[in-house]
Amino acid sequence: MKNRAKYISNKITSGVGSPTSIVLHTIFFVGIFLLHFLGIAFGDILLVLTTIVSLEAIYLSIFIQMTVNKHSEDLEEVSEDIEEIQEDVGEIQEDVDAIQEDVGELQEDIEEIAEDEEELDDHGVEMKKLEHIENTLQTLLQEIAEIKKK
C-alpha cells in the first residue's frame, strides 16, 4: 500500500509538472470563465473556481511532499553508499601504501643482491688471477727443475 501511494504521488507530481497539464488547466480556466456567458453569476463562478483551486493546491502540496520525502530517503541511501565507498577507498589506499612499502623493501633487497653479485664477481676475478699466478709459478718451477737437470 505504501509503495502504491508513492507510485501514485510520483505519477501525479510528474503529470502536473508537464506541458499537457498547463494546456488542460488553461482550457479549464477559460471554460470556467465562459460560464458567465451562459448566465451564471460571476460571483458564483469565482466561488466554485476558488474552491476547486484551493482543493487542488492542498492535494498537490501533499503529493509533492510525498515525492520530496521519497527523494530524501533515496538521498540518505546514496549518502550511506558514498560513506561505504569512502571507507573502501580508505582501505584500498592503506593496501596501496603497504604494497608500496613492500616494493621499496624489494628494491632494497635487489640492490643488496646486486652488490653481493658484484662482490662475488670481484672475488671470481681475484680467484682467476690467483689461479693464473699459481699456473705461472708451476710453469716456472717446472722450467727451474728442467734447468737444474741440465
N, C-alpha and C. Protein backbone atom coordinates (compact mmCIF):
# COMPACT_ATOMS: atom_id res chain seq x y z
N MET A 1 0.83 -1.20 0.00
CA MET A 1 0.00 0.00 0.00
C MET A 1 0.88 1.26 0.00
N LYS A 2 1.96 1.22 0.80
CA LYS A 2 2.84 2.38 0.91
C LYS A 2 3.55 2.63 -0.41
N ASN A 3 4.02 1.57 -1.06
CA ASN A 3 4.70 1.70 -2.34
C ASN A 3 3.74 2.20 -3.42
N ARG A 4 2.49 1.73 -3.35
CA ARG A 4 1.49 2.16 -4.34
C ARG A 4 1.21 3.65 -4.18
N ALA A 5 1.14 4.12 -2.94
CA ALA A 5 0.90 5.55 -2.69
C ALA A 5 2.06 6.38 -3.23
N LYS A 6 3.29 5.88 -3.04
CA LYS A 6 4.46 6.59 -3.56
C LYS A 6 4.42 6.62 -5.09
N TYR A 7 4.03 5.50 -5.67
CA TYR A 7 3.95 5.42 -7.13
C TYR A 7 2.93 6.43 -7.66
N ILE A 8 1.77 6.44 -7.02
CA ILE A 8 0.71 7.36 -7.45
C ILE A 8 1.14 8.81 -7.28
N SER A 9 1.76 9.11 -6.13
CA SER A 9 2.19 10.51 -5.90
C SER A 9 3.25 10.92 -6.90
N ASN A 10 4.15 10.02 -7.25
CA ASN A 10 5.16 10.34 -8.27
C ASN A 10 4.52 10.59 -9.62
N LYS A 11 3.54 9.75 -9.99
CA LYS A 11 2.86 9.91 -11.28
C LYS A 11 2.10 11.24 -11.33
N ILE A 12 1.38 11.55 -10.25
CA ILE A 12 0.60 12.80 -10.23
C ILE A 12 1.53 14.00 -10.28
N THR A 13 2.60 13.96 -9.49
CA THR A 13 3.54 15.08 -9.45
C THR A 13 4.19 15.29 -10.81
N SER A 14 4.60 14.21 -11.45
CA SER A 14 5.23 14.35 -12.77
C SER A 14 4.19 14.78 -13.81
N GLY A 15 2.94 14.34 -13.66
CA GLY A 15 1.88 14.75 -14.59
C GLY A 15 1.54 16.21 -14.46
N VAL A 16 1.48 16.71 -13.23
CA VAL A 16 1.14 18.12 -13.01
C VAL A 16 2.24 19.01 -13.54
N GLY A 17 3.47 18.54 -13.51
CA GLY A 17 4.58 19.35 -13.99
C GLY A 17 4.85 19.18 -15.47
N SER A 18 3.85 18.81 -16.25
CA SER A 18 4.05 18.57 -17.68
C SER A 18 3.38 19.66 -18.52
N PRO A 19 3.79 19.78 -19.78
CA PRO A 19 3.13 20.74 -20.68
C PRO A 19 1.64 20.42 -20.88
N THR A 20 1.30 19.15 -20.87
CA THR A 20 -0.11 18.75 -21.02
C THR A 20 -0.94 19.33 -19.88
N SER A 21 -0.40 19.32 -18.68
CA SER A 21 -1.12 19.87 -17.53
C SER A 21 -1.38 21.36 -17.70
N ILE A 22 -0.39 22.07 -18.22
CA ILE A 22 -0.57 23.51 -18.43
C ILE A 22 -1.71 23.76 -19.43
N VAL A 23 -1.73 22.99 -20.50
CA VAL A 23 -2.77 23.15 -21.52
C VAL A 23 -4.15 22.84 -20.92
N LEU A 24 -4.25 21.72 -20.18
CA LEU A 24 -5.54 21.34 -19.59
C LEU A 24 -6.02 22.38 -18.57
N HIS A 25 -5.13 22.90 -17.75
CA HIS A 25 -5.53 23.92 -16.77
C HIS A 25 -5.98 25.19 -17.47
N THR A 26 -5.29 25.57 -18.52
CA THR A 26 -5.68 26.77 -19.26
C THR A 26 -7.07 26.61 -19.87
N ILE A 27 -7.30 25.45 -20.49
CA ILE A 27 -8.64 25.18 -21.06
C ILE A 27 -9.70 25.20 -19.98
N PHE A 28 -9.39 24.60 -18.82
CA PHE A 28 -10.35 24.56 -17.72
C PHE A 28 -10.69 25.98 -17.24
N PHE A 29 -9.67 26.81 -17.05
CA PHE A 29 -9.92 28.17 -16.55
C PHE A 29 -10.69 29.01 -17.58
N VAL A 30 -10.36 28.88 -18.84
CA VAL A 30 -11.10 29.60 -19.88
C VAL A 30 -12.57 29.13 -19.89
N GLY A 31 -12.73 27.79 -19.77
CA GLY A 31 -14.09 27.24 -19.76
C GLY A 31 -14.91 27.74 -18.57
N ILE A 32 -14.28 27.81 -17.42
CA ILE A 32 -14.98 28.29 -16.22
C ILE A 32 -15.45 29.73 -16.43
N PHE A 33 -14.57 30.58 -16.98
CA PHE A 33 -14.96 31.97 -17.18
C PHE A 33 -16.00 32.13 -18.31
N LEU A 34 -16.03 31.19 -19.23
CA LEU A 34 -17.05 31.23 -20.28
C LEU A 34 -18.45 30.91 -19.73
N LEU A 35 -18.50 30.29 -18.56
CA LEU A 35 -19.80 30.01 -17.93
C LEU A 35 -20.57 31.31 -17.65
N HIS A 36 -19.86 32.41 -17.53
CA HIS A 36 -20.51 33.70 -17.29
C HIS A 36 -21.43 34.07 -18.46
N PHE A 37 -21.00 33.66 -19.68
CA PHE A 37 -21.82 33.96 -20.86
C PHE A 37 -23.03 33.04 -20.96
N LEU A 38 -23.07 31.99 -20.15
CA LEU A 38 -24.24 31.10 -20.11
C LEU A 38 -25.23 31.52 -19.03
N GLY A 39 -24.97 32.65 -18.41
CA GLY A 39 -25.90 33.20 -17.44
C GLY A 39 -25.57 32.89 -15.99
N ILE A 40 -24.45 32.29 -15.71
CA ILE A 40 -24.07 32.01 -14.31
C ILE A 40 -23.40 33.25 -13.76
N ALA A 41 -23.77 33.58 -12.52
CA ALA A 41 -23.26 34.80 -11.88
C ALA A 41 -21.75 34.70 -11.69
N PHE A 42 -21.08 35.84 -11.92
CA PHE A 42 -19.62 35.89 -11.83
C PHE A 42 -19.14 35.54 -10.43
N GLY A 43 -19.88 35.95 -9.40
CA GLY A 43 -19.53 35.64 -8.01
C GLY A 43 -19.58 34.15 -7.74
N ASP A 44 -20.60 33.46 -8.30
CA ASP A 44 -20.71 32.01 -8.14
C ASP A 44 -19.55 31.30 -8.85
N ILE A 45 -19.19 31.80 -10.04
CA ILE A 45 -18.07 31.20 -10.79
C ILE A 45 -16.78 31.32 -9.96
N LEU A 46 -16.53 32.51 -9.43
CA LEU A 46 -15.31 32.71 -8.63
C LEU A 46 -15.32 31.86 -7.37
N LEU A 47 -16.47 31.69 -6.75
CA LEU A 47 -16.57 30.87 -5.54
C LEU A 47 -16.22 29.42 -5.85
N VAL A 48 -16.81 28.87 -6.93
CA VAL A 48 -16.53 27.48 -7.33
C VAL A 48 -15.06 27.35 -7.75
N LEU A 49 -14.59 28.29 -8.55
CA LEU A 49 -13.20 28.25 -9.02
C LEU A 49 -12.22 28.33 -7.85
N THR A 50 -12.45 29.20 -6.91
CA THR A 50 -11.57 29.34 -5.75
C THR A 50 -11.56 28.06 -4.93
N THR A 51 -12.72 27.44 -4.76
CA THR A 51 -12.80 26.19 -4.01
C THR A 51 -12.02 25.08 -4.72
N ILE A 52 -12.23 24.96 -6.01
CA ILE A 52 -11.53 23.92 -6.79
C ILE A 52 -10.02 24.14 -6.74
N VAL A 53 -9.58 25.37 -6.98
CA VAL A 53 -8.14 25.68 -6.98
C VAL A 53 -7.54 25.43 -5.60
N SER A 54 -8.25 25.77 -4.54
CA SER A 54 -7.75 25.54 -3.18
C SER A 54 -7.59 24.05 -2.89
N LEU A 55 -8.60 23.26 -3.25
CA LEU A 55 -8.51 21.81 -3.04
C LEU A 55 -7.36 21.21 -3.86
N GLU A 56 -7.25 21.68 -5.11
CA GLU A 56 -6.17 21.18 -5.95
C GLU A 56 -4.81 21.51 -5.33
N ALA A 57 -4.68 22.72 -4.82
CA ALA A 57 -3.41 23.13 -4.21
C ALA A 57 -3.09 22.27 -2.98
N ILE A 58 -4.10 21.96 -2.18
CA ILE A 58 -3.89 21.12 -0.99
C ILE A 58 -3.39 19.75 -1.40
N TYR A 59 -4.09 19.13 -2.34
CA TYR A 59 -3.69 17.79 -2.77
C TYR A 59 -2.33 17.78 -3.47
N LEU A 60 -2.09 18.78 -4.29
CA LEU A 60 -0.79 18.84 -4.96
C LEU A 60 0.35 19.00 -3.95
N SER A 61 0.13 19.82 -2.93
CA SER A 61 1.18 20.00 -1.93
C SER A 61 1.44 18.69 -1.18
N ILE A 62 0.39 17.90 -0.95
CA ILE A 62 0.57 16.60 -0.30
C ILE A 62 1.37 15.67 -1.20
N PHE A 63 0.98 15.61 -2.47
CA PHE A 63 1.71 14.74 -3.40
C PHE A 63 3.16 15.17 -3.57
N ILE A 64 3.36 16.47 -3.66
CA ILE A 64 4.73 16.98 -3.79
C ILE A 64 5.55 16.64 -2.55
N GLN A 65 4.95 16.79 -1.37
CA GLN A 65 5.68 16.46 -0.14
C GLN A 65 6.01 14.97 -0.08
N MET A 66 5.08 14.12 -0.55
CA MET A 66 5.37 12.69 -0.58
C MET A 66 6.56 12.40 -1.50
N THR A 67 6.61 13.10 -2.64
CA THR A 67 7.73 12.93 -3.58
C THR A 67 9.03 13.42 -2.96
N VAL A 68 8.96 14.56 -2.27
CA VAL A 68 10.16 15.10 -1.60
C VAL A 68 10.65 14.11 -0.55
N ASN A 69 9.72 13.54 0.21
CA ASN A 69 10.11 12.56 1.24
C ASN A 69 10.80 11.35 0.61
N LYS A 70 10.24 10.89 -0.52
CA LYS A 70 10.83 9.74 -1.23
C LYS A 70 12.24 10.07 -1.68
N HIS A 71 12.42 11.26 -2.25
CA HIS A 71 13.75 11.66 -2.71
C HIS A 71 14.72 11.83 -1.53
N SER A 72 14.21 12.28 -0.41
CA SER A 72 15.06 12.41 0.78
C SER A 72 15.55 11.04 1.25
N GLU A 73 14.65 10.07 1.24
CA GLU A 73 15.05 8.71 1.60
C GLU A 73 16.11 8.17 0.63
N ASP A 74 15.88 8.43 -0.67
CA ASP A 74 16.85 7.99 -1.68
C ASP A 74 18.20 8.65 -1.46
N LEU A 75 18.18 9.94 -1.14
CA LEU A 75 19.44 10.66 -0.90
C LEU A 75 20.16 10.12 0.33
N GLU A 76 19.41 9.75 1.36
CA GLU A 76 20.04 9.16 2.54
C GLU A 76 20.71 7.84 2.20
N GLU A 77 20.04 7.03 1.38
CA GLU A 77 20.64 5.75 0.96
C GLU A 77 21.90 6.00 0.14
N VAL A 78 21.84 6.97 -0.76
CA VAL A 78 23.02 7.30 -1.57
C VAL A 78 24.14 7.80 -0.67
N SER A 79 23.80 8.60 0.31
CA SER A 79 24.80 9.12 1.24
C SER A 79 25.48 7.98 2.00
N GLU A 80 24.69 7.00 2.43
CA GLU A 80 25.26 5.83 3.11
C GLU A 80 26.18 5.06 2.17
N ASP A 81 25.75 4.92 0.91
CA ASP A 81 26.58 4.22 -0.08
C ASP A 81 27.89 4.96 -0.29
N ILE A 82 27.82 6.29 -0.33
CA ILE A 82 29.04 7.09 -0.52
C ILE A 82 29.98 6.90 0.66
N GLU A 83 29.44 6.88 1.87
CA GLU A 83 30.27 6.66 3.06
C GLU A 83 30.96 5.31 2.99
N GLU A 84 30.22 4.28 2.58
CA GLU A 84 30.82 2.94 2.46
C GLU A 84 31.92 2.94 1.39
N ILE A 85 31.67 3.61 0.30
CA ILE A 85 32.68 3.68 -0.77
C ILE A 85 33.91 4.41 -0.27
N GLN A 86 33.71 5.49 0.48
CA GLN A 86 34.86 6.23 1.02
C GLN A 86 35.66 5.36 1.98
N GLU A 87 34.98 4.55 2.78
CA GLU A 87 35.69 3.64 3.68
C GLU A 87 36.48 2.62 2.87
N ASP A 88 35.85 2.09 1.80
CA ASP A 88 36.55 1.12 0.94
C ASP A 88 37.77 1.76 0.28
N VAL A 89 37.61 2.99 -0.17
CA VAL A 89 38.73 3.69 -0.80
C VAL A 89 39.85 3.89 0.22
N GLY A 90 39.48 4.21 1.45
CA GLY A 90 40.50 4.36 2.51
C GLY A 90 41.25 3.07 2.74
N GLU A 91 40.52 1.96 2.78
CA GLU A 91 41.16 0.66 2.98
C GLU A 91 42.06 0.31 1.79
N ILE A 92 41.59 0.61 0.60
CA ILE A 92 42.40 0.35 -0.59
C ILE A 92 43.67 1.20 -0.55
N GLN A 93 43.53 2.45 -0.12
CA GLN A 93 44.70 3.33 -0.03
C GLN A 93 45.72 2.76 0.97
N GLU A 94 45.23 2.24 2.08
CA GLU A 94 46.12 1.62 3.06
C GLU A 94 46.84 0.42 2.44
N ASP A 95 46.09 -0.38 1.67
CA ASP A 95 46.70 -1.54 0.99
C ASP A 95 47.76 -1.08 -0.01
N VAL A 96 47.45 -0.02 -0.75
CA VAL A 96 48.41 0.50 -1.73
C VAL A 96 49.67 0.99 -1.02
N ASP A 97 49.49 1.67 0.11
CA ASP A 97 50.64 2.15 0.88
C ASP A 97 51.50 0.97 1.34
N ALA A 98 50.84 -0.08 1.82
CA ALA A 98 51.58 -1.26 2.28
C ALA A 98 52.32 -1.90 1.11
N ILE A 99 51.68 -1.97 -0.04
CA ILE A 99 52.32 -2.55 -1.22
C ILE A 99 53.53 -1.70 -1.63
N GLN A 100 53.38 -0.39 -1.56
CA GLN A 100 54.50 0.50 -1.90
C GLN A 100 55.67 0.28 -0.95
N GLU A 101 55.36 0.09 0.32
CA GLU A 101 56.43 -0.20 1.28
C GLU A 101 57.12 -1.51 0.92
N ASP A 102 56.31 -2.53 0.57
CA ASP A 102 56.89 -3.82 0.19
C ASP A 102 57.75 -3.69 -1.07
N VAL A 103 57.29 -2.89 -2.02
CA VAL A 103 58.07 -2.68 -3.24
C VAL A 103 59.39 -2.00 -2.90
N GLY A 104 59.34 -1.03 -1.99
CA GLY A 104 60.57 -0.36 -1.56
C GLY A 104 61.54 -1.33 -0.93
N GLU A 105 61.02 -2.20 -0.07
CA GLU A 105 61.87 -3.21 0.57
C GLU A 105 62.44 -4.17 -0.48
N LEU A 106 61.63 -4.56 -1.45
CA LEU A 106 62.11 -5.44 -2.51
C LEU A 106 63.22 -4.76 -3.33
N GLN A 107 63.05 -3.48 -3.60
CA GLN A 107 64.08 -2.76 -4.34
C GLN A 107 65.40 -2.75 -3.55
N GLU A 108 65.29 -2.52 -2.24
CA GLU A 108 66.49 -2.55 -1.40
C GLU A 108 67.14 -3.92 -1.44
N ASP A 109 66.31 -4.97 -1.38
CA ASP A 109 66.85 -6.34 -1.45
C ASP A 109 67.54 -6.59 -2.79
N ILE A 110 66.93 -6.10 -3.86
CA ILE A 110 67.53 -6.28 -5.19
C ILE A 110 68.88 -5.56 -5.26
N GLU A 111 68.93 -4.35 -4.70
CA GLU A 111 70.19 -3.61 -4.69
C GLU A 111 71.26 -4.37 -3.90
N GLU A 112 70.87 -4.94 -2.75
CA GLU A 112 71.82 -5.71 -1.94
C GLU A 112 72.30 -6.94 -2.71
N ILE A 113 71.39 -7.60 -3.39
CA ILE A 113 71.76 -8.79 -4.18
C ILE A 113 72.73 -8.38 -5.29
N ALA A 114 72.45 -7.24 -5.93
CA ALA A 114 73.34 -6.76 -7.00
C ALA A 114 74.73 -6.47 -6.44
N GLU A 115 74.76 -5.84 -5.25
CA GLU A 115 76.06 -5.57 -4.62
C GLU A 115 76.78 -6.87 -4.29
N ASP A 116 76.04 -7.83 -3.73
CA ASP A 116 76.64 -9.14 -3.42
C ASP A 116 77.15 -9.82 -4.68
N GLU A 117 76.41 -9.69 -5.76
CA GLU A 117 76.81 -10.29 -7.03
C GLU A 117 78.10 -9.65 -7.53
N GLU A 118 78.17 -8.31 -7.39
CA GLU A 118 79.40 -7.61 -7.79
C GLU A 118 80.59 -8.10 -6.97
N GLU A 119 80.36 -8.25 -5.66
CA GLU A 119 81.43 -8.75 -4.80
C GLU A 119 81.85 -10.15 -5.22
N LEU A 120 80.88 -10.99 -5.55
CA LEU A 120 81.20 -12.34 -6.00
C LEU A 120 81.96 -12.30 -7.31
N ASP A 121 81.53 -11.42 -8.21
CA ASP A 121 82.24 -11.27 -9.47
C ASP A 121 83.68 -10.82 -9.22
N ASP A 122 83.83 -9.83 -8.32
CA ASP A 122 85.18 -9.36 -7.98
C ASP A 122 85.99 -10.50 -7.39
N HIS A 123 85.37 -11.28 -6.51
CA HIS A 123 86.03 -12.42 -5.89
C HIS A 123 86.43 -13.45 -6.95
N GLY A 124 85.53 -13.65 -7.92
CA GLY A 124 85.82 -14.59 -9.01
C GLY A 124 87.00 -14.12 -9.83
N VAL A 125 87.11 -12.81 -10.09
CA VAL A 125 88.23 -12.26 -10.84
C VAL A 125 89.52 -12.49 -10.07
N GLU A 126 89.45 -12.25 -8.75
CA GLU A 126 90.63 -12.47 -7.91
C GLU A 126 91.04 -13.94 -7.92
N MET A 127 90.06 -14.84 -7.89
CA MET A 127 90.38 -16.27 -7.92
C MET A 127 91.05 -16.63 -9.24
N LYS A 128 90.57 -16.06 -10.33
CA LYS A 128 91.17 -16.34 -11.63
C LYS A 128 92.60 -15.82 -11.67
N LYS A 129 92.82 -14.63 -11.08
CA LYS A 129 94.17 -14.07 -11.03
C LYS A 129 95.09 -14.99 -10.24
N LEU A 130 94.55 -15.47 -9.07
CA LEU A 130 95.36 -16.37 -8.24
C LEU A 130 95.66 -17.66 -8.99
N GLU A 131 94.69 -18.20 -9.69
CA GLU A 131 94.91 -19.42 -10.48
C GLU A 131 95.96 -19.18 -11.56
N HIS A 132 95.88 -18.02 -12.19
CA HIS A 132 96.85 -17.68 -13.23
C HIS A 132 98.26 -17.58 -12.64
N ILE A 133 98.34 -16.90 -11.48
CA ILE A 133 99.64 -16.79 -10.80
C ILE A 133 100.14 -18.17 -10.41
N GLU A 134 99.23 -18.99 -9.90
CA GLU A 134 99.61 -20.35 -9.49
C GLU A 134 100.12 -21.15 -10.70
N ASN A 135 99.42 -21.05 -11.81
CA ASN A 135 99.83 -21.75 -13.03
C ASN A 135 101.20 -21.24 -13.51
N THR A 136 101.36 -19.94 -13.45
CA THR A 136 102.63 -19.35 -13.87
C THR A 136 103.76 -19.84 -12.98
N LEU A 137 103.49 -19.88 -11.66
CA LEU A 137 104.52 -20.36 -10.73
C LEU A 137 104.84 -21.83 -11.01
N GLN A 138 103.83 -22.63 -11.26
CA GLN A 138 104.09 -24.04 -11.55
C GLN A 138 104.93 -24.18 -12.82
N THR A 139 104.60 -23.36 -13.81
CA THR A 139 105.38 -23.41 -15.05
C THR A 139 106.82 -23.01 -14.78
N LEU A 140 107.00 -21.96 -13.99
CA LEU A 140 108.36 -21.52 -13.64
C LEU A 140 109.10 -22.60 -12.86
N LEU A 141 108.42 -23.24 -11.92
CA LEU A 141 109.05 -24.30 -11.13
C LEU A 141 109.47 -25.45 -12.04
N GLN A 142 108.61 -25.77 -13.00
CA GLN A 142 108.96 -26.85 -13.94
C GLN A 142 110.19 -26.45 -14.78
N GLU A 143 110.21 -25.20 -15.21
CA GLU A 143 111.33 -24.74 -16.01
C GLU A 143 112.61 -24.74 -15.17
N ILE A 144 112.47 -24.34 -13.90
CA ILE A 144 113.63 -24.35 -13.00
C ILE A 144 114.11 -25.79 -12.81
N ALA A 145 113.17 -26.70 -12.65
CA ALA A 145 113.53 -28.10 -12.45
C ALA A 145 114.25 -28.62 -13.70
N GLU A 146 113.81 -28.25 -14.87
CA GLU A 146 114.44 -28.67 -16.10
C GLU A 146 115.84 -28.06 -16.23
N ILE A 147 115.98 -26.80 -15.84
CA ILE A 147 117.28 -26.16 -15.90
C ILE A 147 118.26 -26.85 -14.95
N LYS A 148 117.75 -27.22 -13.78
CA LYS A 148 118.61 -27.91 -12.81
C LYS A 148 119.06 -29.26 -13.37
N LYS A 149 118.23 -29.91 -14.10
CA LYS A 149 118.59 -31.19 -14.68
C LYS A 149 119.69 -31.02 -15.73
N LYS A 150 119.82 -29.96 -16.32
CA LYS A 150 120.81 -29.78 -17.36
C LYS A 150 122.10 -29.49 -16.74
